[in-house]
Amino acid sequence: MKGKENGRREIGSGADHEILTDREFELLVLLAEGRTNQELSECLSISINTVKTHLRNIFNKLDVDNRTQAAAYARETKLVR
């Protein structure tokens, strides 16, 4: 993660970096804690469909296929603890 600017967090480096929005980052932190989609929805006061949309965006930006890989990536790169 390079930094935070205007509600967005950069991940990666150089031309390969992507931007996570604050909401996507919030969701990633909760995801890494092992929360279900229902719990994510309740914690963030958003619909399940919105959770799924954010998850797809996160997976694309982190270049992973599922929530387990996303959580592992976030821990390995120190995005979350």
C-alpha atoms as a PDB file:
ATOM      1  CA  MET A   1       0.000   0.000   0.000  1.00  0.00           C
ATOM      2  CA  LYS A   2       1.505   3.273  -1.049  1.00  0.00           C
ATOM      3  CA  GLY A   3      -0.783   5.700   0.681  1.00  0.00           C
ATOM      4  CA  LYS A   4      -4.193   7.153   1.105  1.00  0.00           C
ATOM      5  CA  GLU A   5      -5.489  10.046  -0.921  1.00  0.00           C
ATOM      6  CA  ASN A   6      -9.052  11.260  -1.412  1.00  0.00           C
ATOM      7  CA  GLY A   7     -10.628   8.202   0.191  1.00  0.00           C
ATOM      8  CA  ARG A   8      -8.604   5.684  -1.804  1.00  0.00           C
ATOM      9  CA  ARG A   9      -5.730   3.371  -0.969  1.00  0.00           C
ATOM     10  CA  GLU A  10      -3.063   2.372  -3.464  1.00  0.00           C
ATOM     11  CA  ILE A  11      -1.894  -1.203  -3.516  1.00  0.00           C
ATOM     12  CA  GLY A  12       0.985  -2.589  -5.535  1.00  0.00           C
ATOM     13  CA  SER A  13       3.658  -0.484  -7.153  1.00  0.00           C
ATOM     14  CA  GLY A  14       4.494   1.149 -10.428  1.00  0.00           C
ATOM     15  CA  ALA A  15       2.176   0.506 -13.340  1.00  0.00           C
ATOM     16  CA  ASP A  16       0.656  -2.505 -11.554  1.00  0.00           C
ATOM     17  CA  HIS A  17      -0.906  -0.565  -8.691  1.00  0.00           C
ATOM     18  CA  GLU A  18      -4.643  -0.465  -8.135  1.00  0.00           C
ATOM     19  CA  ILE A  19      -6.820   1.679  -5.935  1.00  0.00           C
ATOM     20  CA  LEU A  20      -9.103   0.387  -3.173  1.00  0.00           C
ATOM     21  CA  THR A  21     -11.811   2.770  -2.078  1.00  0.00           C
ATOM     22  CA  ASP A  22     -12.241   3.357   1.640  1.00  0.00           C
ATOM     23  CA  ARG A  23     -15.366   1.176   1.590  1.00  0.00           C
ATOM     24  CA  GLU A  24     -13.542  -1.641  -0.205  1.00  0.00           C
ATOM     25  CA  PHE A  25     -10.710  -1.400   2.302  1.00  0.00           C
ATOM     26  CA  GLU A  26     -13.195  -1.458   5.205  1.00  0.00           C
ATOM     27  CA  LEU A  27     -14.797  -4.542   3.731  1.00  0.00           C
ATOM     28  CA  LEU A  28     -11.402  -6.204   3.190  1.00  0.00           C
ATOM     29  CA  VAL A  29     -10.481  -5.690   6.846  1.00  0.00           C
ATOM     30  CA  LEU A  30     -13.739  -7.324   7.970  1.00  0.00           C
ATOM     31  CA  LEU A  31     -13.324 -10.078   5.381  1.00  0.00           C
ATOM     32  CA  ALA A  32      -9.853 -10.848   6.751  1.00  0.00           C
ATOM     33  CA  GLU A  33     -11.480 -11.268  10.183  1.00  0.00           C
ATOM     34  CA  GLY A  34     -13.505 -14.120   8.690  1.00  0.00           C
ATOM     35  CA  ARG A  35     -16.884 -12.390   8.471  1.00  0.00           C
ATOM     36  CA  THR A  36     -19.638 -13.810   6.272  1.00  0.00           C
ATOM     37  CA  ASN A  37     -21.376 -11.784   3.557  1.00  0.00           C
ATOM     38  CA  GLN A  38     -24.364 -11.398   5.894  1.00  0.00           C
ATOM     39  CA  GLU A  39     -22.114 -10.065   8.664  1.00  0.00           C
ATOM     40  CA  LEU A  40     -20.373  -7.714   6.230  1.00  0.00           C
ATOM     41  CA  SER A  41     -23.768  -6.435   5.141  1.00  0.00           C
ATOM     42  CA  GLU A  42     -24.882  -5.824   8.721  1.00  0.00           C
ATOM     43  CA  CYS A  43     -21.597  -4.254   9.876  1.00  0.00           C
ATOM     44  CA  LEU A  44     -21.495  -1.801   6.988  1.00  0.00           C
ATOM     45  CA  SER A  45     -25.264  -1.259   6.669  1.00  0.00           C
ATOM     46  CA  ILE A  46     -25.266  -2.228   3.007  1.00  0.00           C
ATOM     47  CA  SER A  47     -27.165  -4.863   1.032  1.00  0.00           C
ATOM     48  CA  ILE A  48     -25.802  -8.326   0.302  1.00  0.00           C
ATOM     49  CA  ASN A  49     -25.716  -7.406  -3.398  1.00  0.00           C
ATOM     50  CA  THR A  50     -23.550  -4.374  -2.604  1.00  0.00           C
ATOM     51  CA  VAL A  51     -21.232  -6.597  -0.542  1.00  0.00           C
ATOM     52  CA  LYS A  52     -20.911  -8.952  -3.517  1.00  0.00           C
ATOM     53  CA  THR A  53     -20.178  -6.059  -5.860  1.00  0.00           C
ATOM     54  CA  HIS A  54     -17.461  -4.725  -3.547  1.00  0.00           C
ATOM     55  CA  LEU A  55     -15.989  -8.227  -3.220  1.00  0.00           C
ATOM     56  CA  ARG A  56     -15.814  -8.645  -7.014  1.00  0.00           C
ATOM     57  CA  ASN A  57     -14.061  -5.281  -7.271  1.00  0.00           C
ATOM     58  CA  ILE A  58     -11.613  -6.205  -4.510  1.00  0.00           C
ATOM     59  CA  PHE A  59     -10.875  -9.593  -6.095  1.00  0.00           C
ATOM     60  CA  ASN A  60     -10.204  -7.925  -9.444  1.00  0.00           C
ATOM     61  CA  LYS A  61      -7.966  -5.262  -7.935  1.00  0.00           C
ATOM     62  CA  LEU A  62      -5.986  -7.774  -5.841  1.00  0.00           C
ATOM     63  CA  ASP A  63      -5.919 -10.251  -8.745  1.00  0.00           C
ATOM     64  CA  VAL A  64      -7.320 -13.073  -6.606  1.00  0.00           C
ATOM     65  CA  ASP A  65     -10.130 -15.556  -7.170  1.00  0.00           C
ATOM     66  CA  ASN A  66     -11.833 -15.780  -3.788  1.00  0.00           C
ATOM     67  CA  ARG A  67     -12.194 -14.395  -0.272  1.00  0.00           C
ATOM     68  CA  THR A  68      -9.556 -16.734   1.203  1.00  0.00           C
ATOM     69  CA  GLN A  69      -6.968 -15.531  -1.297  1.00  0.00           C
ATOM     70  CA  ALA A  70      -8.005 -11.900  -0.715  1.00  0.00           C
ATOM     71  CA  ALA A  71      -7.580 -12.261   3.053  1.00  0.00           C
ATOM     72  CA  ALA A  72      -4.218 -14.000   2.629  1.00  0.00           C
ATOM     73  CA  TYR A  73      -3.007 -11.319   0.201  1.00  0.00           C
ATOM     74  CA  ALA A  74      -4.104  -8.555   2.567  1.00  0.00           C
ATOM     75  CA  ARG A  75      -2.178 -10.138   5.458  1.00  0.00           C
ATOM     76  CA  GLU A  76       0.934 -10.935   3.394  1.00  0.00           C
ATOM     77  CA  THR A  77       1.176  -7.384   2.052  1.00  0.00           C
ATOM     78  CA  LYS A  78       0.406  -5.846   5.463  1.00  0.00           C
ATOM     79  CA  LEU A  79      -2.843  -4.227   4.277  1.00  0.00           C
ATOM     80  CA  VAL A  80      -4.404  -5.773   7.395  1.00  0.00           C
ATOM     81  CA  ARG A  81      -3.095  -7.524  10.485  1.00  0.00           C
END
